[in-house]
Each structure stands twice: as structure tokens, then as C-alpha cells.
Amino acid sequence: RKGDADGFACNDRTKNVTVRGCKSHNN
């Protein structure tokens, strides 16, 4: 949990993001 291995991620200074119908598991 202290690491940086996400399934999906976006950093600061991103704008207008849509994530639809996705699956994230066992990360």
C-alpha cells in the first residue's frame, strides 16, 4: 500500500477524464 502500482491513475493537472466499463483487480 505504500507503493505506486495502481491499476489506473492520473496525476495532478489532468482535466476531464471518463473511465467506463473497466476492471481493476489484484493490484
mmCIF file of all heavy atoms, coordinates in Angstrom:
data_MODEL
# 
_entry.id   MODEL 
# 
loop_
_atom_site.group_PDB 
_atom_site.id 
_atom_site.type_symbol 
_atom_site.label_atom_id 
_atom_site.label_alt_id 
_atom_site.label_comp_id 
_atom_site.label_asym_id 
_atom_site.label_entity_id 
_atom_site.label_seq_id 
_atom_site.pdbx_PDB_ins_code 
_atom_site.Cartn_x 
_atom_site.Cartn_y 
_atom_site.Cartn_z 
_atom_site.occupancy 
_atom_site.B_iso_or_equiv 
_atom_site.pdbx_formal_charge 
_atom_site.auth_seq_id 
_atom_site.auth_comp_id 
_atom_site.auth_asym_id 
_atom_site.auth_atom_id 
_atom_site.pdbx_PDB_model_num 
ATOM 1   N N   . ARG A 1 1  ? 0.810   -1.225  0.000   1.00 0.00 ? 1  ARG A N   1 
ATOM 2   C CA  . ARG A 1 1  ? 0.000   0.000   0.000   1.00 0.00 ? 1  ARG A CA  1 
ATOM 3   C C   . ARG A 1 1  ? 0.840   1.270   0.000   1.00 0.00 ? 1  ARG A C   1 
ATOM 4   O O   . ARG A 1 1  ? 0.335   2.354   -0.286  1.00 0.00 ? 1  ARG A O   1 
ATOM 5   C CB  . ARG A 1 1  ? -0.942  0.005   1.204   1.00 0.00 ? 1  ARG A CB  1 
ATOM 6   C CG  . ARG A 1 1  ? -2.106  -0.961  1.081   1.00 0.00 ? 1  ARG A CG  1 
ATOM 7   C CD  . ARG A 1 1  ? -3.048  -0.831  2.248   1.00 0.00 ? 1  ARG A CD  1 
ATOM 8   N NE  . ARG A 1 1  ? -2.467  -1.338  3.484   1.00 0.00 ? 1  ARG A NE  1 
ATOM 9   C CZ  . ARG A 1 1  ? -2.894  -1.031  4.696   1.00 0.00 ? 1  ARG A CZ  1 
ATOM 10  N NH1 . ARG A 1 1  ? -3.885  -0.183  4.849   1.00 0.00 ? 1  ARG A NH1 1 
ATOM 11  N NH2 . ARG A 1 1  ? -2.334  -1.550  5.763   1.00 0.00 ? 1  ARG A NH2 1 
ATOM 12  N N   . LYS A 1 2  ? 2.106   1.176   0.312   1.00 0.00 ? 2  LYS A N   1 
ATOM 13  C CA  . LYS A 1 2  ? 2.986   2.348   0.296   1.00 0.00 ? 2  LYS A CA  1 
ATOM 14  C C   . LYS A 1 2  ? 3.627   2.560   -1.068  1.00 0.00 ? 2  LYS A C   1 
ATOM 15  O O   . LYS A 1 2  ? 4.421   3.479   -1.249  1.00 0.00 ? 2  LYS A O   1 
ATOM 16  C CB  . LYS A 1 2  ? 4.069   2.191   1.366   1.00 0.00 ? 2  LYS A CB  1 
ATOM 17  C CG  . LYS A 1 2  ? 3.530   2.178   2.786   1.00 0.00 ? 2  LYS A CG  1 
ATOM 18  C CD  . LYS A 1 2  ? 4.651   2.086   3.807   1.00 0.00 ? 2  LYS A CD  1 
ATOM 19  C CE  . LYS A 1 2  ? 4.100   2.100   5.233   1.00 0.00 ? 2  LYS A CE  1 
ATOM 20  N NZ  . LYS A 1 2  ? 5.193   2.009   6.240   1.00 0.00 ? 2  LYS A NZ  1 
ATOM 21  N N   . GLY A 1 3  ? 3.313   1.726   -2.000  1.00 0.00 ? 3  GLY A N   1 
ATOM 22  C CA  . GLY A 1 3  ? 3.936   1.804   -3.314  1.00 0.00 ? 3  GLY A CA  1 
ATOM 23  C C   . GLY A 1 3  ? 3.154   2.636   -4.300  1.00 0.00 ? 3  GLY A C   1 
ATOM 24  O O   . GLY A 1 3  ? 2.359   3.514   -3.931  1.00 0.00 ? 3  GLY A O   1 
ATOM 25  N N   . ASP A 1 4  ? 3.330   2.330   -5.568  1.00 0.00 ? 4  ASP A N   1 
ATOM 26  C CA  . ASP A 1 4  ? 2.741   3.131   -6.632  1.00 0.00 ? 4  ASP A CA  1 
ATOM 27  C C   . ASP A 1 4  ? 2.308   2.237   -7.792  1.00 0.00 ? 4  ASP A C   1 
ATOM 28  O O   . ASP A 1 4  ? 2.505   2.575   -8.947  1.00 0.00 ? 4  ASP A O   1 
ATOM 29  C CB  . ASP A 1 4  ? 3.746   4.181   -7.112  1.00 0.00 ? 4  ASP A CB  1 
ATOM 30  C CG  . ASP A 1 4  ? 3.111   5.263   -7.957  1.00 0.00 ? 4  ASP A CG  1 
ATOM 31  O OD1 . ASP A 1 4  ? 1.897   5.493   -7.803  1.00 0.00 ? 4  ASP A OD1 1 
ATOM 32  O OD2 . ASP A 1 4  ? 3.819   5.864   -8.784  1.00 0.00 ? 4  ASP A OD2 1 
ATOM 33  N N   . ALA A 1 5  ? 1.746   1.088   -7.470  1.00 0.00 ? 5  ALA A N   1 
ATOM 34  C CA  . ALA A 1 5  ? 1.312   0.152   -8.507  1.00 0.00 ? 5  ALA A CA  1 
ATOM 35  C C   . ALA A 1 5  ? -0.214  0.095   -8.526  1.00 0.00 ? 5  ALA A C   1 
ATOM 36  O O   . ALA A 1 5  ? -0.835  -0.859  -8.053  1.00 0.00 ? 5  ALA A O   1 
ATOM 37  C CB  . ALA A 1 5  ? 1.910   -1.225  -8.273  1.00 0.00 ? 5  ALA A CB  1 
ATOM 38  N N   . ASP A 1 6  ? -0.824  1.157   -9.051  1.00 0.00 ? 6  ASP A N   1 
ATOM 39  C CA  . ASP A 1 6  ? -2.280  1.207   -9.203  1.00 0.00 ? 6  ASP A CA  1 
ATOM 40  C C   . ASP A 1 6  ? -2.690  0.492   -10.490 1.00 0.00 ? 6  ASP A C   1 
ATOM 41  O O   . ASP A 1 6  ? -1.883  0.293   -11.407 1.00 0.00 ? 6  ASP A O   1 
ATOM 42  C CB  . ASP A 1 6  ? -2.758  2.654   -9.290  1.00 0.00 ? 6  ASP A CB  1 
ATOM 43  C CG  . ASP A 1 6  ? -2.376  3.481   -8.069  1.00 0.00 ? 6  ASP A CG  1 
ATOM 44  O OD1 . ASP A 1 6  ? -2.552  2.974   -6.943  1.00 0.00 ? 6  ASP A OD1 1 
ATOM 45  O OD2 . ASP A 1 6  ? -1.902  4.618   -8.246  1.00 0.00 ? 6  ASP A OD2 1 
ATOM 46  N N   . GLY A 1 7  ? -3.977  0.180   -10.551 1.00 0.00 ? 7  GLY A N   1 
ATOM 47  C CA  . GLY A 1 7  ? -4.491  -0.326  -11.816 1.00 0.00 ? 7  GLY A CA  1 
ATOM 48  C C   . GLY A 1 7  ? -4.572  0.784   -12.855 1.00 0.00 ? 7  GLY A C   1 
ATOM 49  O O   . GLY A 1 7  ? -3.983  0.701   -13.942 1.00 0.00 ? 7  GLY A O   1 
ATOM 50  N N   . PHE A 1 8  ? -5.302  1.856   -12.515 1.00 0.00 ? 8  PHE A N   1 
ATOM 51  C CA  . PHE A 1 8  ? -5.445  3.036   -13.374 1.00 0.00 ? 8  PHE A CA  1 
ATOM 52  C C   . PHE A 1 8  ? -5.174  4.268   -12.511 1.00 0.00 ? 8  PHE A C   1 
ATOM 53  O O   . PHE A 1 8  ? -5.592  4.315   -11.359 1.00 0.00 ? 8  PHE A O   1 
ATOM 54  C CB  . PHE A 1 8  ? -6.870  3.144   -13.929 1.00 0.00 ? 8  PHE A CB  1 
ATOM 55  C CG  . PHE A 1 8  ? -7.322  1.972   -14.736 1.00 0.00 ? 8  PHE A CG  1 
ATOM 56  C CD1 . PHE A 1 8  ? -7.864  0.845   -14.110 1.00 0.00 ? 8  PHE A CD1 1 
ATOM 57  C CD2 . PHE A 1 8  ? -7.247  1.989   -16.120 1.00 0.00 ? 8  PHE A CD2 1 
ATOM 58  C CE1 . PHE A 1 8  ? -8.309  -0.246  -14.858 1.00 0.00 ? 8  PHE A CE1 1 
ATOM 59  C CE2 . PHE A 1 8  ? -7.695  0.903   -16.876 1.00 0.00 ? 8  PHE A CE2 1 
ATOM 60  C CZ  . PHE A 1 8  ? -8.222  -0.215  -16.244 1.00 0.00 ? 8  PHE A CZ  1 
ATOM 61  N N   . ALA A 1 9  ? -4.526  5.287   -13.075 1.00 0.00 ? 9  ALA A N   1 
ATOM 62  C CA  . ALA A 1 9  ? -4.254  6.501   -12.293 1.00 0.00 ? 9  ALA A CA  1 
ATOM 63  C C   . ALA A 1 9  ? -4.067  7.695   -13.203 1.00 0.00 ? 9  ALA A C   1 
ATOM 64  O O   . ALA A 1 9  ? -3.708  7.556   -14.380 1.00 0.00 ? 9  ALA A O   1 
ATOM 65  C CB  . ALA A 1 9  ? -3.002  6.304   -11.423 1.00 0.00 ? 9  ALA A CB  1 
ATOM 66  N N   . CYS A 1 10 ? -4.326  8.879   -12.645 1.00 0.00 ? 10 CYS A N   1 
ATOM 67  C CA  . CYS A 1 10 ? -3.937  10.106  -13.334 1.00 0.00 ? 10 CYS A CA  1 
ATOM 68  C C   . CYS A 1 10 ? -3.371  11.088  -12.323 1.00 0.00 ? 10 CYS A C   1 
ATOM 69  O O   . CYS A 1 10 ? -3.794  11.136  -11.170 1.00 0.00 ? 10 CYS A O   1 
ATOM 70  C CB  . CYS A 1 10 ? -5.090  10.715  -14.122 1.00 0.00 ? 10 CYS A CB  1 
ATOM 71  S SG  . CYS A 1 10 ? -6.386  11.486  -13.151 1.00 0.00 ? 10 CYS A SG  1 
ATOM 72  N N   . ASN A 1 11 ? -2.385  11.857  -12.759 1.00 0.00 ? 11 ASN A N   1 
ATOM 73  C CA  . ASN A 1 11 ? -1.690  12.816  -11.910 1.00 0.00 ? 11 ASN A CA  1 
ATOM 74  C C   . ASN A 1 11 ? -2.462  14.129  -11.803 1.00 0.00 ? 11 ASN A C   1 
ATOM 75  O O   . ASN A 1 11 ? -3.500  14.318  -12.436 1.00 0.00 ? 11 ASN A O   1 
ATOM 76  C CB  . ASN A 1 11 ? -0.291  13.085  -12.461 1.00 0.00 ? 11 ASN A CB  1 
ATOM 77  C CG  . ASN A 1 11 ? 0.601   11.860  -12.465 1.00 0.00 ? 11 ASN A CG  1 
ATOM 78  O OD1 . ASN A 1 11 ? 1.431   11.686  -13.343 1.00 0.00 ? 11 ASN A OD1 1 
ATOM 79  N ND2 . ASN A 1 11 ? 0.454   10.989  -11.480 1.00 0.00 ? 11 ASN A ND2 1 
ATOM 80  N N   . ASP A 1 12 ? -1.912  15.048  -11.005 1.00 0.00 ? 12 ASP A N   1 
ATOM 81  C CA  . ASP A 1 12 ? -2.440  16.414  -10.955 1.00 0.00 ? 12 ASP A CA  1 
ATOM 82  C C   . ASP A 1 12 ? -2.352  17.051  -12.337 1.00 0.00 ? 12 ASP A C   1 
ATOM 83  O O   . ASP A 1 12 ? -1.594  16.631  -13.202 1.00 0.00 ? 12 ASP A O   1 
ATOM 84  C CB  . ASP A 1 12 ? -1.620  17.263  -9.974  1.00 0.00 ? 12 ASP A CB  1 
ATOM 85  C CG  . ASP A 1 12 ? -1.796  16.788  -8.548  1.00 0.00 ? 12 ASP A CG  1 
ATOM 86  O OD1 . ASP A 1 12 ? -2.887  16.332  -8.204  1.00 0.00 ? 12 ASP A OD1 1 
ATOM 87  O OD2 . ASP A 1 12 ? -0.812  16.878  -7.783  1.00 0.00 ? 12 ASP A OD2 1 
ATOM 88  N N   . ARG A 1 13 ? -3.136  18.128  -12.494 1.00 0.00 ? 13 ARG A N   1 
ATOM 89  C CA  . ARG A 1 13 ? -3.135  18.920  -13.731 1.00 0.00 ? 13 ARG A CA  1 
ATOM 90  C C   . ARG A 1 13 ? -3.557  18.100  -14.944 1.00 0.00 ? 13 ARG A C   1 
ATOM 91  O O   . ARG A 1 13 ? -3.106  18.323  -16.056 1.00 0.00 ? 13 ARG A O   1 
ATOM 92  C CB  . ARG A 1 13 ? -1.781  19.604  -13.951 1.00 0.00 ? 13 ARG A CB  1 
ATOM 93  C CG  . ARG A 1 13 ? -1.429  20.591  -12.841 1.00 0.00 ? 13 ARG A CG  1 
ATOM 94  C CD  . ARG A 1 13 ? -0.135  21.330  -13.108 1.00 0.00 ? 13 ARG A CD  1 
ATOM 95  N NE  . ARG A 1 13 ? 0.999   20.432  -13.148 1.00 0.00 ? 13 ARG A NE  1 
ATOM 96  C CZ  . ARG A 1 13 ? 1.613   19.938  -12.056 1.00 0.00 ? 13 ARG A CZ  1 
ATOM 97  N NH1 . ARG A 1 13 ? 1.166   20.263  -10.854 1.00 0.00 ? 13 ARG A NH1 1 
ATOM 98  N NH2 . ARG A 1 13 ? 2.645   19.146  -12.172 1.00 0.00 ? 13 ARG A NH2 1 
ATOM 99  N N   . THR A 1 14 ? -4.432  17.118  -14.697 1.00 0.00 ? 14 THR A N   1 
ATOM 100 C CA  . THR A 1 14 ? -5.185  16.487  -15.768 1.00 0.00 ? 14 THR A CA  1 
ATOM 101 C C   . THR A 1 14 ? -6.619  16.996  -15.679 1.00 0.00 ? 14 THR A C   1 
ATOM 102 O O   . THR A 1 14 ? -7.042  17.484  -14.634 1.00 0.00 ? 14 THR A O   1 
ATOM 103 C CB  . THR A 1 14 ? -5.149  14.952  -15.648 1.00 0.00 ? 14 THR A CB  1 
ATOM 104 O OG1 . THR A 1 14 ? -5.574  14.585  -14.323 1.00 0.00 ? 14 THR A OG1 1 
ATOM 105 C CG2 . THR A 1 14 ? -3.746  14.414  -15.879 1.00 0.00 ? 14 THR A CG2 1 
ATOM 106 N N   . LYS A 1 15 ? -7.369  16.871  -16.750 1.00 0.00 ? 15 LYS A N   1 
ATOM 107 C CA  . LYS A 1 15 ? -8.690  17.512  -16.761 1.00 0.00 ? 15 LYS A CA  1 
ATOM 108 C C   . LYS A 1 15 ? -9.666  16.702  -17.614 1.00 0.00 ? 15 LYS A C   1 
ATOM 109 O O   . LYS A 1 15 ? -9.323  16.249  -18.711 1.00 0.00 ? 15 LYS A O   1 
ATOM 110 C CB  . LYS A 1 15 ? -8.555  18.932  -17.312 1.00 0.00 ? 15 LYS A CB  1 
ATOM 111 C CG  . LYS A 1 15 ? -9.819  19.763  -17.246 1.00 0.00 ? 15 LYS A CG  1 
ATOM 112 C CD  . LYS A 1 15 ? -9.545  21.184  -17.733 1.00 0.00 ? 15 LYS A CD  1 
ATOM 113 C CE  . LYS A 1 15 ? -10.794 22.041  -17.663 1.00 0.00 ? 15 LYS A CE  1 
ATOM 114 N NZ  . LYS A 1 15 ? -10.539 23.421  -18.149 1.00 0.00 ? 15 LYS A NZ  1 
ATOM 115 N N   . ASN A 1 16 ? -10.876 16.565  -17.088 1.00 0.00 ? 16 ASN A N   1 
ATOM 116 C CA  . ASN A 1 16 ? -11.986 15.951  -17.826 1.00 0.00 ? 16 ASN A CA  1 
ATOM 117 C C   . ASN A 1 16 ? -11.639 14.519  -18.264 1.00 0.00 ? 16 ASN A C   1 
ATOM 118 O O   . ASN A 1 16 ? -11.314 14.259  -19.423 1.00 0.00 ? 16 ASN A O   1 
ATOM 119 C CB  . ASN A 1 16 ? -12.390 16.796  -19.036 1.00 0.00 ? 16 ASN A CB  1 
ATOM 120 C CG  . ASN A 1 16 ? -12.844 18.190  -18.645 1.00 0.00 ? 16 ASN A CG  1 
ATOM 121 O OD1 . ASN A 1 16 ? -13.280 18.427  -17.512 1.00 0.00 ? 16 ASN A OD1 1 
ATOM 122 N ND2 . ASN A 1 16 ? -12.736 19.130  -19.564 1.00 0.00 ? 16 ASN A ND2 1 
ATOM 123 N N   . VAL A 1 17 ? -11.737 13.618  -17.325 1.00 0.00 ? 17 VAL A N   1 
ATOM 124 C CA  . VAL A 1 17 ? -11.401 12.214  -17.568 1.00 0.00 ? 17 VAL A CA  1 
ATOM 125 C C   . VAL A 1 17 ? -12.633 11.351  -17.297 1.00 0.00 ? 17 VAL A C   1 
ATOM 126 O O   . VAL A 1 17 ? -13.301 11.509  -16.273 1.00 0.00 ? 17 VAL A O   1 
ATOM 127 C CB  . VAL A 1 17 ? -10.241 11.764  -16.663 1.00 0.00 ? 17 VAL A CB  1 
ATOM 128 C CG1 . VAL A 1 17 ? -9.945  10.274  -16.851 1.00 0.00 ? 17 VAL A CG1 1 
ATOM 129 C CG2 . VAL A 1 17 ? -8.987  12.599  -16.940 1.00 0.00 ? 17 VAL A CG2 1 
ATOM 130 N N   . THR A 1 18 ? -12.919 10.439  -18.207 1.00 0.00 ? 18 THR A N   1 
ATOM 131 C CA  . THR A 1 18 ? -14.006 9.477   -18.040 1.00 0.00 ? 18 THR A CA  1 
ATOM 132 C C   . THR A 1 18 ? -13.445 8.068   -18.125 1.00 0.00 ? 18 THR A C   1 
ATOM 133 O O   . THR A 1 18 ? -12.730 7.734   -19.070 1.00 0.00 ? 18 THR A O   1 
ATOM 134 C CB  . THR A 1 18 ? -15.092 9.661   -19.110 1.00 0.00 ? 18 THR A CB  1 
ATOM 135 O OG1 . THR A 1 18 ? -15.684 10.960  -18.973 1.00 0.00 ? 18 THR A OG1 1 
ATOM 136 C CG2 . THR A 1 18 ? -16.180 8.607   -18.970 1.00 0.00 ? 18 THR A CG2 1 
ATOM 137 N N   . VAL A 1 19 ? -13.789 7.249   -17.131 1.00 0.00 ? 19 VAL A N   1 
ATOM 138 C CA  . VAL A 1 19 ? -13.385 5.841   -17.123 1.00 0.00 ? 19 VAL A CA  1 
ATOM 139 C C   . VAL A 1 19 ? -14.663 5.017   -17.051 1.00 0.00 ? 19 VAL A C   1 
ATOM 140 O O   . VAL A 1 19 ? -15.421 5.120   -16.089 1.00 0.00 ? 19 VAL A O   1 
ATOM 141 C CB  . VAL A 1 19 ? -12.463 5.532   -15.926 1.00 0.00 ? 19 VAL A CB  1 
ATOM 142 C CG1 . VAL A 1 19 ? -11.980 4.087   -16.000 1.00 0.00 ? 19 VAL A CG1 1 
ATOM 143 C CG2 . VAL A 1 19 ? -11.276 6.487   -15.898 1.00 0.00 ? 19 VAL A CG2 1 
ATOM 144 N N   . ARG A 1 20 ? -14.888 4.183   -18.044 1.00 0.00 ? 20 ARG A N   1 
ATOM 145 C CA  . ARG A 1 20 ? -16.173 3.488   -18.158 1.00 0.00 ? 20 ARG A CA  1 
ATOM 146 C C   . ARG A 1 20 ? -15.963 2.011   -18.497 1.00 0.00 ? 20 ARG A C   1 
ATOM 147 O O   . ARG A 1 20 ? -15.204 1.658   -19.396 1.00 0.00 ? 20 ARG A O   1 
ATOM 148 C CB  . ARG A 1 20 ? -17.020 4.138   -19.251 1.00 0.00 ? 20 ARG A CB  1 
ATOM 149 C CG  . ARG A 1 20 ? -18.391 3.514   -19.447 1.00 0.00 ? 20 ARG A CG  1 
ATOM 150 C CD  . ARG A 1 20 ? -19.149 4.143   -20.603 1.00 0.00 ? 20 ARG A CD  1 
ATOM 151 N NE  . ARG A 1 20 ? -19.330 5.577   -20.410 1.00 0.00 ? 20 ARG A NE  1 
ATOM 152 C CZ  . ARG A 1 20 ? -18.901 6.491   -21.271 1.00 0.00 ? 20 ARG A CZ  1 
ATOM 153 N NH1 . ARG A 1 20 ? -18.246 6.137   -22.349 1.00 0.00 ? 20 ARG A NH1 1 
ATOM 154 N NH2 . ARG A 1 20 ? -19.109 7.778   -21.016 1.00 0.00 ? 20 ARG A NH2 1 
ATOM 155 N N   . GLY A 1 21 ? -16.651 1.166   -17.758 1.00 0.00 ? 21 GLY A N   1 
ATOM 156 C CA  . GLY A 1 21 ? -16.650 -0.254  -18.072 1.00 0.00 ? 21 GLY A CA  1 
ATOM 157 C C   . GLY A 1 21 ? -15.313 -0.939  -17.887 1.00 0.00 ? 21 GLY A C   1 
ATOM 158 O O   . GLY A 1 21 ? -15.013 -1.919  -18.577 1.00 0.00 ? 21 GLY A O   1 
ATOM 159 N N   . CYS A 1 22 ? -14.514 -0.461  -16.942 1.00 0.00 ? 22 CYS A N   1 
ATOM 160 C CA  . CYS A 1 22 ? -13.179 -1.022  -16.730 1.00 0.00 ? 22 CYS A CA  1 
ATOM 161 C C   . CYS A 1 22 ? -13.129 -1.885  -15.461 1.00 0.00 ? 22 CYS A C   1 
ATOM 162 O O   . CYS A 1 22 ? -13.938 -1.715  -14.552 1.00 0.00 ? 22 CYS A O   1 
ATOM 163 C CB  . CYS A 1 22 ? -12.143 0.084   -16.628 1.00 0.00 ? 22 CYS A CB  1 
ATOM 164 S SG  . CYS A 1 22 ? -11.922 1.009   -18.170 1.00 0.00 ? 22 CYS A SG  1 
ATOM 165 N N   . LYS A 1 23 ? -12.147 -2.766  -15.421 1.00 0.00 ? 23 LYS A N   1 
ATOM 166 C CA  . LYS A 1 23 ? -11.975 -3.657  -14.276 1.00 0.00 ? 23 LYS A CA  1 
ATOM 167 C C   . LYS A 1 23 ? -10.540 -3.562  -13.779 1.00 0.00 ? 23 LYS A C   1 
ATOM 168 O O   . LYS A 1 23 ? -9.592  -3.647  -14.568 1.00 0.00 ? 23 LYS A O   1 
ATOM 169 C CB  . LYS A 1 23 ? -12.297 -5.101  -14.673 1.00 0.00 ? 23 LYS A CB  1 
ATOM 170 C CG  . LYS A 1 23 ? -12.237 -6.087  -13.522 1.00 0.00 ? 23 LYS A CG  1 
ATOM 171 C CD  . LYS A 1 23 ? -12.648 -7.482  -13.980 1.00 0.00 ? 23 LYS A CD  1 
ATOM 172 C CE  . LYS A 1 23 ? -12.627 -8.475  -12.832 1.00 0.00 ? 23 LYS A CE  1 
ATOM 173 N NZ  . LYS A 1 23 ? -13.029 -9.844  -13.269 1.00 0.00 ? 23 LYS A NZ  1 
ATOM 174 N N   . SER A 1 24 ? -10.395 -3.383  -12.476 1.00 0.00 ? 24 SER A N   1 
ATOM 175 C CA  . SER A 1 24 ? -9.075  -3.294  -11.854 1.00 0.00 ? 24 SER A CA  1 
ATOM 176 C C   . SER A 1 24 ? -9.033  -4.253  -10.669 1.00 0.00 ? 24 SER A C   1 
ATOM 177 O O   . SER A 1 24 ? -9.823  -4.115  -9.735  1.00 0.00 ? 24 SER A O   1 
ATOM 178 C CB  . SER A 1 24 ? -8.809  -1.847  -11.402 1.00 0.00 ? 24 SER A CB  1 
ATOM 179 O OG  . SER A 1 24 ? -7.504  -1.714  -10.902 1.00 0.00 ? 24 SER A OG  1 
ATOM 180 N N   . HIS A 1 25 ? -8.100  -5.197  -10.688 1.00 0.00 ? 25 HIS A N   1 
ATOM 181 C CA  . HIS A 1 25 ? -8.092  -6.196  -9.617  1.00 0.00 ? 25 HIS A CA  1 
ATOM 182 C C   . HIS A 1 25 ? -6.688  -6.711  -9.335  1.00 0.00 ? 25 HIS A C   1 
ATOM 183 O O   . HIS A 1 25 ? -5.809  -6.706  -10.195 1.00 0.00 ? 25 HIS A O   1 
ATOM 184 C CB  . HIS A 1 25 ? -9.023  -7.368  -9.964  1.00 0.00 ? 25 HIS A CB  1 
ATOM 185 C CG  . HIS A 1 25 ? -8.638  -8.125  -11.204 1.00 0.00 ? 25 HIS A CG  1 
ATOM 186 N ND1 . HIS A 1 25 ? -7.864  -9.262  -11.164 1.00 0.00 ? 25 HIS A ND1 1 
ATOM 187 C CD2 . HIS A 1 25 ? -8.945  -7.905  -12.510 1.00 0.00 ? 25 HIS A CD2 1 
ATOM 188 C CE1 . HIS A 1 25 ? -7.711  -9.721  -12.396 1.00 0.00 ? 25 HIS A CE1 1 
ATOM 189 N NE2 . HIS A 1 25 ? -8.347  -8.919  -13.233 1.00 0.00 ? 25 HIS A NE2 1 
ATOM 190 N N   . ASN A 1 26 ? -6.498  -7.100  -8.087  1.00 0.00 ? 26 ASN A N   1 
ATOM 191 C CA  . ASN A 1 26 ? -5.251  -7.726  -7.638  1.00 0.00 ? 26 ASN A CA  1 
ATOM 192 C C   . ASN A 1 26 ? -4.021  -6.863  -7.886  1.00 0.00 ? 26 ASN A C   1 
ATOM 193 O O   . ASN A 1 26 ? -2.934  -7.364  -8.184  1.00 0.00 ? 26 ASN A O   1 
ATOM 194 C CB  . ASN A 1 26 ? -5.078  -9.091  -8.310  1.00 0.00 ? 26 ASN A CB  1 
ATOM 195 C CG  . ASN A 1 26 ? -6.194  -10.064 -7.957  1.00 0.00 ? 26 ASN A CG  1 
ATOM 196 O OD1 . ASN A 1 26 ? -7.150  -10.205 -8.724  1.00 0.00 ? 26 ASN A OD1 1 
ATOM 197 N ND2 . ASN A 1 26 ? -6.093  -10.712 -6.801  1.00 0.00 ? 26 ASN A ND2 1 
ATOM 198 N N   . ASN A 1 27 ? -4.190  -5.545  -7.744  1.00 0.00 ? 27 ASN A N   1 
ATOM 199 C CA  . ASN A 1 27 ? -3.053  -4.629  -7.807  1.00 0.00 ? 27 ASN A CA  1 
ATOM 200 C C   . ASN A 1 27 ? -2.570  -4.343  -6.385  1.00 0.00 ? 27 ASN A C   1 
ATOM 201 O O   . ASN A 1 27 ? -3.370  -4.319  -5.447  1.00 0.00 ? 27 ASN A O   1 
ATOM 202 C CB  . ASN A 1 27 ? -3.453  -3.330  -8.506  1.00 0.00 ? 27 ASN A CB  1 
ATOM 203 C CG  . ASN A 1 27 ? -3.936  -3.585  -9.924  1.00 0.00 ? 27 ASN A CG  1 
ATOM 204 O OD1 . ASN A 1 27 ? -3.164  -3.967  -10.790 1.00 0.00 ? 27 ASN A OD1 1 
ATOM 205 N ND2 . ASN A 1 27 ? -5.234  -3.387  -10.163 1.00 0.00 ? 27 ASN A ND2 1 
# 
